[in-house]
Amino acid sequence: MTAPGTLAIYAGAALAEIAGCFAVWAWMRQGASAIWLVPGVASLAAFAWLLALAPSDFAGRAYAAYGGVYIAASLLWLWMVEKQRPDAWDLTGGAICLFGAAVILFGPRAMGS
């Protein structure tokens, strides 16, 4: 799979996971209706399905690489949805995590590893 295809899978998975978790957050912490849990659960199921599409022979490697994308997407959520601008520390940490995800995902591998 190409790098843009892989990034699209991870970006979709991150959006689905964050939206699903936010639905639970809104219900538990902000007093939203329990109806929020219905799309939340559907979103979390979509997250799991998308992450299973990640091009890796090993789940742990796919999950590790996804972690960096999740962190960056969470910072975008913070800014775009919660209207809290990430600070320099947030952005620096996010960049480091994305670099680490790229190393894990796109690093050369020996056959069978």
Foldseek 3Di string as FASTA:
>chain_A
DDPVVLLVLLLLLLVLQVQLVVLVCCVPPVVDDPVSNVSSVVSNVSSVVSLVPHPDPDSVLSVQLSVLVNLLVVQVCCCPPVVDHDDPVSVVVSVVSNVVSCCSRVPDDDPPD
